[in-house]
Amino acid sequence: MTGETAGIVIKSNSKLFNIGDKVCAHKGWQTFIKSKDTDPAIFKVPDSNIGLSVF
């Protein structure tokens, strides 16, 4: 099913994304995703008090 994935990085070999970073990606509804940090569909969610589900 098409949709947004929002979550927290649990493993990373990237210099752009660290463990604990909140991210959003257009990857469909999934429990886990694996993505390259060069994928334009994934981005860091800004630090805020807004819930991750808003993104």
N, C-alpha and C. Protein backbone atom coordinates (compact mmCIF):
# COMPACT_ATOMS: atom_id res chain seq x y z
N MET A 1 0.84 -1.17 0.00
CA MET A 1 0.00 0.00 0.00
C MET A 1 0.89 1.24 0.00
N THR A 2 0.58 2.19 -0.84
CA THR A 2 1.34 3.43 -0.90
C THR A 2 1.08 4.27 0.33
N GLY A 3 2.10 4.88 0.84
CA GLY A 3 1.97 5.75 2.00
C GLY A 3 3.33 6.19 2.49
N GLU A 4 3.31 7.02 3.50
CA GLU A 4 4.55 7.51 4.09
C GLU A 4 5.01 6.60 5.21
N THR A 5 6.30 6.48 5.35
CA THR A 5 6.91 5.75 6.45
C THR A 5 7.57 6.79 7.35
N ALA A 6 7.25 6.76 8.62
CA ALA A 6 7.90 7.65 9.59
C ALA A 6 8.45 6.78 10.71
N GLY A 7 9.65 7.06 11.12
CA GLY A 7 10.23 6.23 12.17
C GLY A 7 11.54 6.79 12.69
N ILE A 8 12.24 5.94 13.41
CA ILE A 8 13.50 6.31 14.04
C ILE A 8 14.59 5.36 13.53
N VAL A 9 15.73 5.92 13.18
CA VAL A 9 16.86 5.13 12.68
C VAL A 9 17.37 4.22 13.80
N ILE A 10 17.42 2.91 13.52
CA ILE A 10 17.90 1.96 14.53
C ILE A 10 19.28 1.38 14.17
N LYS A 11 19.69 1.55 12.91
CA LYS A 11 21.02 1.10 12.47
C LYS A 11 21.41 1.98 11.29
N SER A 12 22.67 2.39 11.25
CA SER A 12 23.09 3.28 10.17
C SER A 12 24.58 3.16 9.90
N ASN A 13 24.91 3.14 8.61
CA ASN A 13 26.29 3.23 8.15
C ASN A 13 26.49 4.56 7.42
N SER A 14 25.55 5.46 7.57
CA SER A 14 25.52 6.73 6.85
C SER A 14 26.18 7.84 7.65
N LYS A 15 26.75 8.81 6.94
CA LYS A 15 27.25 10.02 7.58
C LYS A 15 26.14 11.06 7.70
N LEU A 16 25.01 10.84 7.01
CA LEU A 16 23.89 11.78 7.03
C LEU A 16 22.83 11.43 8.07
N PHE A 17 22.68 10.14 8.38
CA PHE A 17 21.65 9.68 9.30
C PHE A 17 22.29 8.91 10.44
N ASN A 18 21.99 9.32 11.66
CA ASN A 18 22.54 8.68 12.85
C ASN A 18 21.47 7.87 13.57
N ILE A 19 21.89 6.90 14.35
CA ILE A 19 20.95 6.14 15.17
C ILE A 19 20.20 7.13 16.06
N GLY A 20 18.89 6.99 16.09
CA GLY A 20 18.05 7.88 16.88
C GLY A 20 17.42 9.01 16.09
N ASP A 21 17.93 9.28 14.87
CA ASP A 21 17.33 10.32 14.04
C ASP A 21 15.90 9.94 13.66
N LYS A 22 15.02 10.92 13.65
CA LYS A 22 13.65 10.71 13.18
C LYS A 22 13.65 10.99 11.68
N VAL A 23 13.04 10.09 10.92
CA VAL A 23 13.03 10.23 9.46
C VAL A 23 11.64 9.95 8.90
N CYS A 24 11.44 10.43 7.69
CA CYS A 24 10.21 10.18 6.96
C CYS A 24 10.62 9.79 5.54
N ALA A 25 9.90 8.85 4.94
CA ALA A 25 10.22 8.40 3.59
C ALA A 25 8.95 7.96 2.87
N HIS A 26 8.93 8.18 1.58
CA HIS A 26 7.82 7.69 0.77
C HIS A 26 8.18 6.27 0.32
N LYS A 27 7.96 5.33 1.20
CA LYS A 27 8.33 3.93 0.96
C LYS A 27 7.17 2.97 1.22
N GLY A 28 5.99 3.48 1.46
CA GLY A 28 4.87 2.60 1.77
C GLY A 28 4.85 2.22 3.24
N TRP A 29 3.77 1.61 3.66
CA TRP A 29 3.60 1.22 5.06
C TRP A 29 4.38 -0.06 5.31
N GLN A 30 5.35 0.01 6.20
CA GLN A 30 6.20 -1.14 6.51
C GLN A 30 6.60 -1.10 7.97
N THR A 31 7.03 -2.23 8.48
CA THR A 31 7.55 -2.28 9.85
C THR A 31 8.99 -1.76 9.87
N PHE A 32 9.79 -2.13 8.87
CA PHE A 32 11.17 -1.68 8.74
C PHE A 32 11.42 -1.31 7.29
N ILE A 33 12.32 -0.35 7.07
CA ILE A 33 12.78 -0.07 5.71
C ILE A 33 14.30 -0.03 5.70
N LYS A 34 14.86 -0.30 4.53
CA LYS A 34 16.29 -0.17 4.31
C LYS A 34 16.43 0.75 3.11
N SER A 35 17.25 1.79 3.26
CA SER A 35 17.35 2.77 2.20
C SER A 35 18.76 3.34 2.15
N LYS A 36 19.16 3.79 0.98
CA LYS A 36 20.44 4.49 0.84
C LYS A 36 20.24 5.94 1.26
N ASP A 37 21.27 6.54 1.82
CA ASP A 37 21.12 7.93 2.26
C ASP A 37 21.05 8.91 1.09
N THR A 38 21.31 8.44 -0.12
CA THR A 38 21.19 9.29 -1.30
C THR A 38 19.79 9.26 -1.90
N ASP A 39 18.91 8.43 -1.35
CA ASP A 39 17.53 8.32 -1.84
C ASP A 39 16.79 9.62 -1.55
N PRO A 40 16.29 10.32 -2.58
CA PRO A 40 15.59 11.59 -2.35
C PRO A 40 14.25 11.43 -1.63
N ALA A 41 13.76 10.21 -1.48
CA ALA A 41 12.47 9.98 -0.83
C ALA A 41 12.58 9.94 0.69
N ILE A 42 13.80 10.01 1.23
CA ILE A 42 13.97 9.95 2.68
C ILE A 42 14.57 11.27 3.18
N PHE A 43 14.02 11.75 4.30
CA PHE A 43 14.54 13.00 4.87
C PHE A 43 14.42 12.98 6.38
N LYS A 44 15.27 13.76 7.03
CA LYS A 44 15.22 13.90 8.48
C LYS A 44 14.03 14.75 8.87
N VAL A 45 13.39 14.36 9.94
CA VAL A 45 12.30 15.15 10.51
C VAL A 45 12.93 16.15 11.47
N PRO A 46 12.54 17.43 11.38
CA PRO A 46 13.13 18.42 12.28
C PRO A 46 12.80 18.13 13.75
N ASP A 47 13.73 18.47 14.64
CA ASP A 47 13.48 18.32 16.07
C ASP A 47 12.35 19.26 16.48
N SER A 48 11.35 18.70 17.14
CA SER A 48 10.23 19.51 17.63
C SER A 48 9.42 18.68 18.61
N ASN A 49 8.42 19.29 19.18
CA ASN A 49 7.51 18.59 20.09
C ASN A 49 6.33 17.98 19.35
N ILE A 50 6.31 18.13 18.04
CA ILE A 50 5.23 17.57 17.22
C ILE A 50 5.45 16.06 17.10
N GLY A 51 4.39 15.30 17.25
CA GLY A 51 4.49 13.85 17.14
C GLY A 51 4.94 13.39 15.77
N LEU A 52 5.66 12.30 15.72
CA LEU A 52 6.18 11.76 14.47
C LEU A 52 5.06 11.39 13.50
N SER A 53 3.91 11.03 14.02
CA SER A 53 2.78 10.63 13.17
C SER A 53 2.26 11.79 12.31
N VAL A 54 2.59 13.02 12.65
CA VAL A 54 2.16 14.18 11.86
C VAL A 54 2.86 14.20 10.50
N PHE A 55 4.06 13.66 10.45
CA PHE A 55 4.82 13.67 9.22
C PHE A 55 4.42 12.51 8.35
